[in-house]
Amino acid sequence: MGELGNTLSRARRARGISIEDAERDTHVSRRYLQALETEDFQAFPAPVYARGFLRTYSRYLGLNPDELLRVFPNGDLTVDITPLPTVTRPPAQLINVNWVVAGVVALFLLGAGLLLLNGGEDPAVVDQRAQQAAAQGQTTSPTTQVQAPSPTNGDTPVQGKAITPIQAGRFPDFVGADLVSAYAVLRDNQLNFVVIEYANRTVPKGIIISQSPGAGGKADTNTAITLHVSTGAPQ
């Protein structure tokens, strides 16, 4: 066992943490945690995953990940992680929610005007109802209801879209879902994964920006999915 593995193993034992505890808290498979402590880097599907798991594990143990990455063994595994792409606006956020709500309110007012022409409803009642709906960020009609998302301050994780049912041997579509829901799906289906978090001005905290492999990609014991998650707007 080399310097890197000894450092990780000693730090874990000094804190009284078992491999099972570390697996539960970091959401990283114990197979990969043990591989880091024994420096069995052939157990990882690709170098980028070894570095990603090392960064996650070292932070969990209270170690400096940058210092450990400096002693990361040379050779085939010394492949630098390419810079993350700048995400200007993810697909799920292309349409501003405020414009959607404003458009629905306008349609509601138009429909209310038509109903007044046919039914003679008091204009003051219709106007008051429309103002209340606009103030609440929602509109109602006899057959539909549109509810605007709850506002967030950028520091509190929000609930994302529902994750589509998973197909055997394939990764589902996590983009736009919240990280808590993604964790549940990954654990229930025993899928390997790496989580990379960074600030993003346009995506709420805790929402998944992108994934690799994409939805429908092959999922097996030798493949791990990388999830890019927003930590909210920079402070």
C-alpha atoms as a PDB file:
ATOM      1  CA  MET A   1       0.000   0.000   0.000  1.00  0.00           C
ATOM      2  CA  GLY A   2       1.445   3.384  -1.005  1.00  0.00           C
ATOM      3  CA  GLU A   3       1.391   6.797   0.608  1.00  0.00           C
ATOM      4  CA  LEU A   4      -2.027   7.714  -0.832  1.00  0.00           C
ATOM      5  CA  GLY A   5      -3.786   4.572   0.342  1.00  0.00           C
ATOM      6  CA  ASN A   6      -2.150   4.715   3.798  1.00  0.00           C
ATOM      7  CA  THR A   7      -3.273   8.317   4.272  1.00  0.00           C
ATOM      8  CA  LEU A   8      -6.899   7.500   3.444  1.00  0.00           C
ATOM      9  CA  SER A   9      -6.966   4.327   5.546  1.00  0.00           C
ATOM     10  CA  ARG A  10      -5.374   5.976   8.594  1.00  0.00           C
ATOM     11  CA  ALA A  11      -7.743   8.962   8.413  1.00  0.00           C
ATOM     12  CA  ARG A  12     -10.798   6.701   8.247  1.00  0.00           C
ATOM     13  CA  ARG A  13      -9.705   4.494  11.147  1.00  0.00           C
ATOM     14  CA  ALA A  14      -8.701   7.499  13.248  1.00  0.00           C
ATOM     15  CA  ARG A  15     -12.259   8.813  12.962  1.00  0.00           C
ATOM     16  CA  GLY A  16     -13.789   5.445  13.791  1.00  0.00           C
ATOM     17  CA  ILE A  17     -15.504   5.221  10.396  1.00  0.00           C
ATOM     18  CA  SER A  18     -16.174   1.878   8.736  1.00  0.00           C
ATOM     19  CA  ILE A  19     -16.198   1.310   4.984  1.00  0.00           C
ATOM     20  CA  GLU A  20     -19.957   0.784   5.246  1.00  0.00           C
ATOM     21  CA  ASP A  21     -20.369   4.156   6.990  1.00  0.00           C
ATOM     22  CA  ALA A  22     -18.302   5.872   4.292  1.00  0.00           C
ATOM     23  CA  GLU A  23     -20.315   4.216   1.534  1.00  0.00           C
ATOM     24  CA  ARG A  24     -23.568   5.388   3.089  1.00  0.00           C
ATOM     25  CA  ASP A  25     -22.417   8.960   3.658  1.00  0.00           C
ATOM     26  CA  THR A  26     -20.553   9.555   0.373  1.00  0.00           C
ATOM     27  CA  HIS A  27     -22.838   7.499  -1.897  1.00  0.00           C
ATOM     28  CA  VAL A  28     -19.707   5.924  -3.386  1.00  0.00           C
ATOM     29  CA  SER A  29     -19.576   2.129  -3.687  1.00  0.00           C
ATOM     30  CA  ARG A  30     -17.443   0.445  -1.047  1.00  0.00           C
ATOM     31  CA  ARG A  31     -15.638  -1.386  -3.879  1.00  0.00           C
ATOM     32  CA  TYR A  32     -14.231   1.923  -5.093  1.00  0.00           C
ATOM     33  CA  LEU A  33     -13.466   3.180  -1.573  1.00  0.00           C
ATOM     34  CA  GLN A  34     -11.475   0.031  -0.827  1.00  0.00           C
ATOM     35  CA  ALA A  35      -9.753   0.344  -4.204  1.00  0.00           C
ATOM     36  CA  LEU A  36      -8.586   3.849  -3.240  1.00  0.00           C
ATOM     37  CA  GLU A  37      -7.220   2.645   0.104  1.00  0.00           C
ATOM     38  CA  THR A  38      -5.384  -0.270  -1.529  1.00  0.00           C
ATOM     39  CA  GLU A  39      -4.447   1.809  -4.603  1.00  0.00           C
ATOM     40  CA  ASP A  40      -6.077  -0.758  -6.879  1.00  0.00           C
ATOM     41  CA  PHE A  41      -6.778   1.732  -9.661  1.00  0.00           C
ATOM     42  CA  GLN A  42      -7.557  -0.988 -12.179  1.00  0.00           C
ATOM     43  CA  ALA A  43     -10.935  -1.333 -10.416  1.00  0.00           C
ATOM     44  CA  PHE A  44     -12.080   2.020 -11.824  1.00  0.00           C
ATOM     45  CA  PRO A  45     -13.736   2.186 -15.247  1.00  0.00           C
ATOM     46  CA  ALA A  46     -11.708   5.271 -16.212  1.00  0.00           C
ATOM     47  CA  PRO A  47      -9.062   7.591 -14.639  1.00  0.00           C
ATOM     48  CA  VAL A  48     -11.531  10.451 -14.285  1.00  0.00           C
ATOM     49  CA  TYR A  49     -13.646   8.363 -11.903  1.00  0.00           C
ATOM     50  CA  ALA A  50     -10.651   7.488  -9.719  1.00  0.00           C
ATOM     51  CA  ARG A  51      -9.842  11.193  -9.326  1.00  0.00           C
ATOM     52  CA  GLY A  52     -13.485  12.131  -8.742  1.00  0.00           C
ATOM     53  CA  PHE A  53     -13.953   9.457  -6.054  1.00  0.00           C
ATOM     54  CA  LEU A  54     -10.638  10.446  -4.442  1.00  0.00           C
ATOM     55  CA  ARG A  55     -11.751  14.082  -4.199  1.00  0.00           C
ATOM     56  CA  THR A  56     -15.119  13.088  -2.674  1.00  0.00           C
ATOM     57  CA  TYR A  57     -13.600  10.597  -0.213  1.00  0.00           C
ATOM     58  CA  SER A  58     -10.791  12.884   0.951  1.00  0.00           C
ATOM     59  CA  ARG A  59     -13.220  15.724   1.663  1.00  0.00           C
ATOM     60  CA  TYR A  60     -15.428  13.325   3.631  1.00  0.00           C
ATOM     61  CA  LEU A  61     -12.429  12.276   5.766  1.00  0.00           C
ATOM     62  CA  GLY A  62     -11.449  15.904   6.384  1.00  0.00           C
ATOM     63  CA  LEU A  63      -8.361  15.727   4.183  1.00  0.00           C
ATOM     64  CA  ASN A  64      -7.159  18.227   1.579  1.00  0.00           C
ATOM     65  CA  PRO A  65      -8.092  16.764  -1.831  1.00  0.00           C
ATOM     66  CA  ASP A  66      -5.565  18.951  -3.649  1.00  0.00           C
ATOM     67  CA  GLU A  67      -2.721  17.574  -1.520  1.00  0.00           C
ATOM     68  CA  LEU A  68      -3.792  13.976  -2.184  1.00  0.00           C
ATOM     69  CA  LEU A  69      -4.151  14.578  -5.897  1.00  0.00           C
ATOM     70  CA  ARG A  70      -0.519  15.695  -5.947  1.00  0.00           C
ATOM     71  CA  VAL A  71       0.578  12.232  -4.780  1.00  0.00           C
ATOM     72  CA  PHE A  72      -1.823  10.497  -7.140  1.00  0.00           C
ATOM     73  CA  PRO A  73       0.244   7.859  -8.987  1.00  0.00           C
ATOM     74  CA  ASN A  74       1.650   8.713 -12.402  1.00  0.00           C
ATOM     75  CA  GLY A  75       1.184   6.595 -15.473  1.00  0.00           C
ATOM     76  CA  ASP A  76      -1.946   5.830 -17.407  1.00  0.00           C
ATOM     77  CA  LEU A  77      -4.112   7.304 -14.673  1.00  0.00           C
ATOM     78  CA  THR A  78      -2.660  10.823 -14.794  1.00  0.00           C
ATOM     79  CA  VAL A  79      -5.353  12.160 -17.075  1.00  0.00           C
ATOM     80  CA  ASP A  80      -6.459  15.658 -16.094  1.00  0.00           C
ATOM     81  CA  ILE A  81     -10.137  16.347 -15.883  1.00  0.00           C
ATOM     82  CA  THR A  82     -11.110  18.595 -18.745  1.00  0.00           C
ATOM     83  CA  PRO A  83     -12.623  21.939 -17.689  1.00  0.00           C
ATOM     84  CA  LEU A  84     -16.341  21.862 -17.190  1.00  0.00           C
ATOM     85  CA  PRO A  85     -18.275  23.566 -19.982  1.00  0.00           C
ATOM     86  CA  THR A  86     -19.887  26.884 -19.217  1.00  0.00           C
ATOM     87  CA  VAL A  87     -23.590  26.288 -18.950  1.00  0.00           C
ATOM     88  CA  THR A  88     -25.382  29.433 -20.037  1.00  0.00           C
ATOM     89  CA  ARG A  89     -28.929  28.128 -19.979  1.00  0.00           C
ATOM     90  CA  PRO A  90     -29.942  24.471 -19.676  1.00  0.00           C
ATOM     91  CA  PRO A  91     -32.758  23.158 -21.911  1.00  0.00           C
ATOM     92  CA  ALA A  92     -35.206  22.986 -19.043  1.00  0.00           C
ATOM     93  CA  GLN A  93     -34.801  26.730 -18.367  1.00  0.00           C
ATOM     94  CA  LEU A  94     -34.972  28.120 -21.913  1.00  0.00           C
ATOM     95  CA  ILE A  95     -38.452  29.514 -21.326  1.00  0.00           C
ATOM     96  CA  ASN A  96     -38.754  32.040 -18.549  1.00  0.00           C
ATOM     97  CA  VAL A  97     -41.453  30.951 -16.105  1.00  0.00           C
ATOM     98  CA  ASN A  98     -42.624  34.522 -15.571  1.00  0.00           C
ATOM     99  CA  TRP A  99     -43.369  34.897 -19.278  1.00  0.00           C
ATOM    100  CA  VAL A 100     -45.328  31.643 -19.233  1.00  0.00           C
ATOM    101  CA  VAL A 101     -47.409  32.813 -16.276  1.00  0.00           C
ATOM    102  CA  ALA A 102     -47.978  36.210 -17.901  1.00  0.00           C
ATOM    103  CA  GLY A 103     -49.109  34.524 -21.115  1.00  0.00           C
ATOM    104  CA  VAL A 104     -51.538  32.267 -19.273  1.00  0.00           C
ATOM    105  CA  VAL A 105     -52.943  35.243 -17.350  1.00  0.00           C
ATOM    106  CA  ALA A 106     -53.465  37.089 -20.633  1.00  0.00           C
ATOM    107  CA  LEU A 107     -55.313  34.084 -22.084  1.00  0.00           C
ATOM    108  CA  PHE A 108     -57.443  33.880 -18.958  1.00  0.00           C
ATOM    109  CA  LEU A 109     -58.408  37.539 -19.221  1.00  0.00           C
ATOM    110  CA  LEU A 110     -59.293  37.063 -22.875  1.00  0.00           C
ATOM    111  CA  GLY A 111     -61.456  34.054 -22.030  1.00  0.00           C
ATOM    112  CA  ALA A 112     -63.101  35.954 -19.191  1.00  0.00           C
ATOM    113  CA  GLY A 113     -63.970  38.756 -21.619  1.00  0.00           C
ATOM    114  CA  LEU A 114     -65.618  36.287 -23.970  1.00  0.00           C
ATOM    115  CA  LEU A 115     -67.590  34.794 -21.111  1.00  0.00           C
ATOM    116  CA  LEU A 116     -68.768  38.265 -20.129  1.00  0.00           C
ATOM    117  CA  LEU A 117     -70.037  38.870 -23.644  1.00  0.00           C
ATOM    118  CA  ASN A 118     -72.037  35.649 -23.495  1.00  0.00           C
ATOM    119  CA  GLY A 119     -73.001  35.404 -19.849  1.00  0.00           C
ATOM    120  CA  GLY A 120     -73.089  39.022 -18.622  1.00  0.00           C
ATOM    121  CA  GLU A 121     -70.898  38.441 -15.550  1.00  0.00           C
ATOM    122  CA  ASP A 122     -70.030  41.531 -13.516  1.00  0.00           C
ATOM    123  CA  PRO A 123     -66.767  43.001 -14.927  1.00  0.00           C
ATOM    124  CA  ALA A 124     -65.622  44.019 -11.425  1.00  0.00           C
ATOM    125  CA  VAL A 125     -65.813  40.403 -10.237  1.00  0.00           C
ATOM    126  CA  VAL A 126     -63.831  39.152 -13.258  1.00  0.00           C
ATOM    127  CA  ASP A 127     -61.175  41.856 -12.833  1.00  0.00           C
ATOM    128  CA  GLN A 128     -60.794  41.119  -9.113  1.00  0.00           C
ATOM    129  CA  ARG A 129     -60.450  37.378  -9.798  1.00  0.00           C
ATOM    130  CA  ALA A 130     -57.805  38.008 -12.476  1.00  0.00           C
ATOM    131  CA  GLN A 131     -55.802  40.294 -10.179  1.00  0.00           C
ATOM    132  CA  GLN A 132     -55.837  37.689  -7.399  1.00  0.00           C
ATOM    133  CA  ALA A 133     -54.694  34.979  -9.814  1.00  0.00           C
ATOM    134  CA  ALA A 134     -51.858  37.155 -11.159  1.00  0.00           C
ATOM    135  CA  ALA A 135     -50.728  38.054  -7.623  1.00  0.00           C
ATOM    136  CA  GLN A 136     -50.593  34.372  -6.661  1.00  0.00           C
ATOM    137  CA  GLY A 137     -48.746  33.414  -9.855  1.00  0.00           C
ATOM    138  CA  GLN A 138     -51.509  31.072 -11.035  1.00  0.00           C
ATOM    139  CA  THR A 139     -54.646  31.066 -13.202  1.00  0.00           C
ATOM    140  CA  THR A 140     -57.718  28.879 -13.249  1.00  0.00           C
ATOM    141  CA  SER A 141     -60.298  27.963 -15.822  1.00  0.00           C
ATOM    142  CA  PRO A 142     -63.197  25.432 -15.829  1.00  0.00           C
ATOM    143  CA  THR A 143     -60.920  22.651 -17.081  1.00  0.00           C
ATOM    144  CA  THR A 144     -57.297  23.548 -16.288  1.00  0.00           C
ATOM    145  CA  GLN A 145     -55.076  24.906 -13.526  1.00  0.00           C
ATOM    146  CA  VAL A 146     -51.598  26.340 -14.004  1.00  0.00           C
ATOM    147  CA  GLN A 147     -49.420  26.772 -10.922  1.00  0.00           C
ATOM    148  CA  ALA A 148     -46.162  28.729 -10.999  1.00  0.00           C
ATOM    149  CA  PRO A 149     -43.132  27.150  -9.253  1.00  0.00           C
ATOM    150  CA  SER A 150     -42.484  28.242  -5.690  1.00  0.00           C
ATOM    151  CA  PRO A 151     -39.855  31.008  -5.550  1.00  0.00           C
ATOM    152  CA  THR A 152     -36.488  30.142  -4.047  1.00  0.00           C
ATOM    153  CA  ASN A 153     -33.669  32.258  -2.702  1.00  0.00           C
ATOM    154  CA  GLY A 154     -30.970  30.188  -4.424  1.00  0.00           C
ATOM    155  CA  ASP A 155     -29.779  28.645  -1.126  1.00  0.00           C
ATOM    156  CA  THR A 156     -32.539  26.098  -0.572  1.00  0.00           C
ATOM    157  CA  PRO A 157     -32.657  22.985  -2.822  1.00  0.00           C
ATOM    158  CA  VAL A 158     -35.852  22.706  -4.839  1.00  0.00           C
ATOM    159  CA  GLN A 159     -37.706  19.735  -6.180  1.00  0.00           C
ATOM    160  CA  GLY A 160     -36.964  19.072  -9.836  1.00  0.00           C
ATOM    161  CA  LYS A 161     -38.844  17.199 -12.505  1.00  0.00           C
ATOM    162  CA  ALA A 162     -39.876  13.596 -12.036  1.00  0.00           C
ATOM    163  CA  ILE A 163     -37.345  10.981 -13.179  1.00  0.00           C
ATOM    164  CA  THR A 164     -38.696   8.744 -15.930  1.00  0.00           C
ATOM    165  CA  PRO A 165     -39.060   5.013 -15.126  1.00  0.00           C
ATOM    166  CA  ILE A 166     -35.720   3.289 -15.461  1.00  0.00           C
ATOM    167  CA  GLN A 167     -35.162   0.596 -18.079  1.00  0.00           C
ATOM    168  CA  ALA A 168     -33.090  -2.450 -17.194  1.00  0.00           C
ATOM    169  CA  GLY A 169     -29.458  -1.900 -18.116  1.00  0.00           C
ATOM    170  CA  ARG A 170     -29.994   1.762 -19.097  1.00  0.00           C
ATOM    171  CA  PHE A 171     -29.524   5.108 -17.365  1.00  0.00           C
ATOM    172  CA  PRO A 172     -32.683   7.249 -16.999  1.00  0.00           C
ATOM    173  CA  ASP A 173     -32.933  10.966 -17.783  1.00  0.00           C
ATOM    174  CA  PHE A 174     -31.729  12.837 -14.660  1.00  0.00           C
ATOM    175  CA  VAL A 175     -31.418  16.312 -16.252  1.00  0.00           C
ATOM    176  CA  GLY A 176     -33.761  18.759 -14.521  1.00  0.00           C
ATOM    177  CA  ALA A 177     -34.378  16.428 -11.551  1.00  0.00           C
ATOM    178  CA  ASP A 178     -33.238  17.229  -8.007  1.00  0.00           C
ATOM    179  CA  LEU A 179     -30.210  15.471  -6.546  1.00  0.00           C
ATOM    180  CA  VAL A 180     -32.141  13.898  -3.647  1.00  0.00           C
ATOM    181  CA  SER A 181     -34.490  12.095  -6.062  1.00  0.00           C
ATOM    182  CA  ALA A 182     -31.533  11.061  -8.222  1.00  0.00           C
ATOM    183  CA  TYR A 183     -29.768   9.554  -5.195  1.00  0.00           C
ATOM    184  CA  ALA A 184     -32.845   7.457  -4.426  1.00  0.00           C
ATOM    185  CA  VAL A 185     -33.033   6.089  -7.990  1.00  0.00           C
ATOM    186  CA  LEU A 186     -29.281   5.384  -8.108  1.00  0.00           C
ATOM    187  CA  ARG A 187     -29.260   3.545  -4.791  1.00  0.00           C
ATOM    188  CA  ASP A 188     -32.420   1.550  -5.505  1.00  0.00           C
ATOM    189  CA  ASN A 189     -30.980   0.351  -8.819  1.00  0.00           C
ATOM    190  CA  GLN A 190     -27.394  -0.086  -7.490  1.00  0.00           C
ATOM    191  CA  LEU A 191     -25.914   2.198 -10.158  1.00  0.00           C
ATOM    192  CA  ASN A 192     -22.393   3.632  -9.964  1.00  0.00           C
ATOM    193  CA  PHE A 193     -22.189   7.417 -10.076  1.00  0.00           C
ATOM    194  CA  VAL A 194     -20.064  10.532  -9.616  1.00  0.00           C
ATOM    195  CA  VAL A 195     -21.503  13.897  -8.514  1.00  0.00           C
ATOM    196  CA  ILE A 196     -19.791  17.149  -9.532  1.00  0.00           C
ATOM    197  CA  GLU A 197     -21.235  20.353  -8.073  1.00  0.00           C
ATOM    198  CA  TYR A 198     -20.560  23.931  -9.145  1.00  0.00           C
ATOM    199  CA  ALA A 199     -22.249  27.323  -9.056  1.00  0.00           C
ATOM    200  CA  ASN A 200     -24.712  28.304 -11.782  1.00  0.00           C
ATOM    201  CA  ARG A 201     -26.701  31.534 -11.981  1.00  0.00           C
ATOM    202  CA  THR A 202     -29.633  30.136 -13.947  1.00  0.00           C
ATOM    203  CA  VAL A 203     -30.205  26.718 -12.368  1.00  0.00           C
ATOM    204  CA  PRO A 204     -31.622  26.395  -8.808  1.00  0.00           C
ATOM    205  CA  LYS A 205     -29.540  24.761  -6.117  1.00  0.00           C
ATOM    206  CA  GLY A 206     -29.673  20.967  -6.101  1.00  0.00           C
ATOM    207  CA  ILE A 207     -30.941  20.614  -9.692  1.00  0.00           C
ATOM    208  CA  ILE A 208     -29.035  18.392 -12.146  1.00  0.00           C
ATOM    209  CA  ILE A 209     -27.675  20.377 -15.111  1.00  0.00           C
ATOM    210  CA  SER A 210     -26.340  17.557 -17.279  1.00  0.00           C
ATOM    211  CA  GLN A 211     -25.320  13.909 -17.180  1.00  0.00           C
ATOM    212  CA  SER A 212     -22.819  11.603 -18.885  1.00  0.00           C
ATOM    213  CA  PRO A 213     -23.685   9.103 -20.304  1.00  0.00           C
ATOM    214  CA  GLY A 214     -26.963  10.603 -21.459  1.00  0.00           C
ATOM    215  CA  ALA A 215     -30.432   9.162 -20.949  1.00  0.00           C
ATOM    216  CA  GLY A 216     -30.645   5.637 -22.324  1.00  0.00           C
ATOM    217  CA  GLY A 217     -26.891   5.038 -21.992  1.00  0.00           C
ATOM    218  CA  LYS A 218     -25.726   1.551 -21.048  1.00  0.00           C
ATOM    219  CA  ALA A 219     -25.593   0.936 -17.278  1.00  0.00           C
ATOM    220  CA  ASP A 220     -23.566  -1.951 -15.852  1.00  0.00           C
ATOM    221  CA  THR A 221     -21.083  -2.661 -13.054  1.00  0.00           C
ATOM    222  CA  ASN A 222     -18.220  -1.235 -15.140  1.00  0.00           C
ATOM    223  CA  THR A 223     -19.978   2.032 -15.993  1.00  0.00           C
ATOM    224  CA  ALA A 224     -20.583   5.055 -13.760  1.00  0.00           C
ATOM    225  CA  ILE A 225     -22.768   8.039 -14.594  1.00  0.00           C
ATOM    226  CA  THR A 226     -21.494  11.574 -13.906  1.00  0.00           C
ATOM    227  CA  LEU A 227     -24.084  14.092 -12.696  1.00  0.00           C
ATOM    228  CA  HIS A 228     -23.357  17.850 -12.894  1.00  0.00           C
ATOM    229  CA  VAL A 229     -25.342  19.609 -10.151  1.00  0.00           C
ATOM    230  CA  SER A 230     -25.915  23.315  -9.519  1.00  0.00           C
ATOM    231  CA  THR A 231     -25.048  24.840  -6.147  1.00  0.00           C
ATOM    232  CA  GLY A 232     -27.033  27.959  -6.993  1.00  0.00           C
ATOM    233  CA  ALA A 233     -25.823  31.428  -7.908  1.00  0.00           C
ATOM    234  CA  PRO A 234     -22.258  32.378  -6.849  1.00  0.00           C
ATOM    235  CA  GLN A 235     -22.092  34.210  -3.541  1.00  0.00           C
END
